[in-house]
Amino acid sequence: HNFPLDLAAIEAPATNG
């Protein structure tokens, strides 16, 4: 997806690494 970090963290916890 192309959501902000806020939503990204919810959809894909992998955003942390």
PDB file of N, CA and C in Angstrom:
ATOM      1  N   HIS A   1       0.841  -1.201   0.000  1.00  0.00           N
ATOM      2  CA  HIS A   1       0.000   0.000   0.000  1.00  0.00           C
ATOM      3  C   HIS A   1       0.878   1.255   0.000  1.00  0.00           C
ATOM      4  N   ASN A   2       0.194   2.369  -0.137  1.00  0.00           N
ATOM      5  CA  ASN A   2       0.926   3.640  -0.192  1.00  0.00           C
ATOM      6  C   ASN A   2       0.434   4.574   0.915  1.00  0.00           C
ATOM      7  N   PHE A   3       0.225   4.009   2.100  1.00  0.00           N
ATOM      8  CA  PHE A   3      -0.298   4.807   3.196  1.00  0.00           C
ATOM      9  C   PHE A   3       0.838   5.416   4.022  1.00  0.00           C
ATOM     10  N   PRO A   4       0.525   6.422   4.794  1.00  0.00           N
ATOM     11  CA  PRO A   4       1.522   7.058   5.679  1.00  0.00           C
ATOM     12  C   PRO A   4       2.079   6.035   6.671  1.00  0.00           C
ATOM     13  N   LEU A   5       3.120   6.421   7.379  1.00  0.00           N
ATOM     14  CA  LEU A   5       3.739   5.511   8.343  1.00  0.00           C
ATOM     15  C   LEU A   5       2.715   5.038   9.371  1.00  0.00           C
ATOM     16  N   ASP A   6       1.769   5.924   9.721  1.00  0.00           N
ATOM     17  CA  ASP A   6       0.761   5.576  10.719  1.00  0.00           C
ATOM     18  C   ASP A   6      -0.013   4.337  10.293  1.00  0.00           C
ATOM     19  N   LEU A   7      -0.547   4.372   9.062  1.00  0.00           N
ATOM     20  CA  LEU A   7      -1.323   3.240   8.572  1.00  0.00           C
ATOM     21  C   LEU A   7      -0.407   2.102   8.169  1.00  0.00           C
ATOM     22  N   ALA A   8       0.762   2.432   7.665  1.00  0.00           N
ATOM     23  CA  ALA A   8       1.716   1.413   7.225  1.00  0.00           C
ATOM     24  C   ALA A   8       2.072   0.503   8.398  1.00  0.00           C
ATOM     25  N   ALA A   9       2.257   1.088   9.556  1.00  0.00           N
ATOM     26  CA  ALA A   9       2.627   0.308  10.734  1.00  0.00           C
ATOM     27  C   ALA A   9       1.506  -0.659  11.096  1.00  0.00           C
ATOM     28  N   ILE A  10       0.268  -0.268  10.754  1.00  0.00           N
ATOM     29  CA  ILE A  10      -0.881  -1.122  11.068  1.00  0.00           C
ATOM     30  C   ILE A  10      -1.006  -2.240  10.037  1.00  0.00           C
ATOM     31  N   GLU A  11      -0.818  -1.889   8.774  1.00  0.00           N
ATOM     32  CA  GLU A  11      -0.975  -2.873   7.705  1.00  0.00           C
ATOM     33  C   GLU A  11       0.241  -3.774   7.602  1.00  0.00           C
ATOM     34  N   ALA A  12       1.430  -3.205   7.721  1.00  0.00           N
ATOM     35  CA  ALA A  12       2.652  -3.991   7.572  1.00  0.00           C
ATOM     36  C   ALA A  12       3.673  -3.602   8.631  1.00  0.00           C
ATOM     37  N   PRO A  13       3.671  -4.308   9.751  1.00  0.00           N
ATOM     38  CA  PRO A  13       4.637  -4.040  10.818  1.00  0.00           C
ATOM     39  C   PRO A  13       6.066  -4.096  10.292  1.00  0.00           C
ATOM     40  N   ALA A  14       6.259  -4.696   9.132  1.00  0.00           N
ATOM     41  CA  ALA A  14       7.590  -4.818   8.543  1.00  0.00           C
ATOM     42  C   ALA A  14       8.178  -3.440   8.242  1.00  0.00           C
ATOM     43  N   THR A  15       7.344  -2.403   8.316  1.00  0.00           N
ATOM     44  CA  THR A  15       7.822  -1.048   8.038  1.00  0.00           C
ATOM     45  C   THR A  15       8.959  -0.680   8.999  1.00  0.00           C
ATOM     46  N   ASN A  16       9.063  -1.438  10.100  1.00  0.00           N
ATOM     47  CA  ASN A  16      10.114  -1.162  11.068  1.00  0.00           C
ATOM     48  C   ASN A  16      11.438  -1.752  10.589  1.00  0.00           C
ATOM     49  N   GLY A  17      11.409  -2.497   9.511  1.00  0.00           N
ATOM     50  CA  GLY A  17      12.633  -3.085   9.028  1.00  0.00           C
ATOM     51  C   GLY A  17      12.305  -4.228   8.124  1.00  0.00           C
TER      52      GLY A  17
END
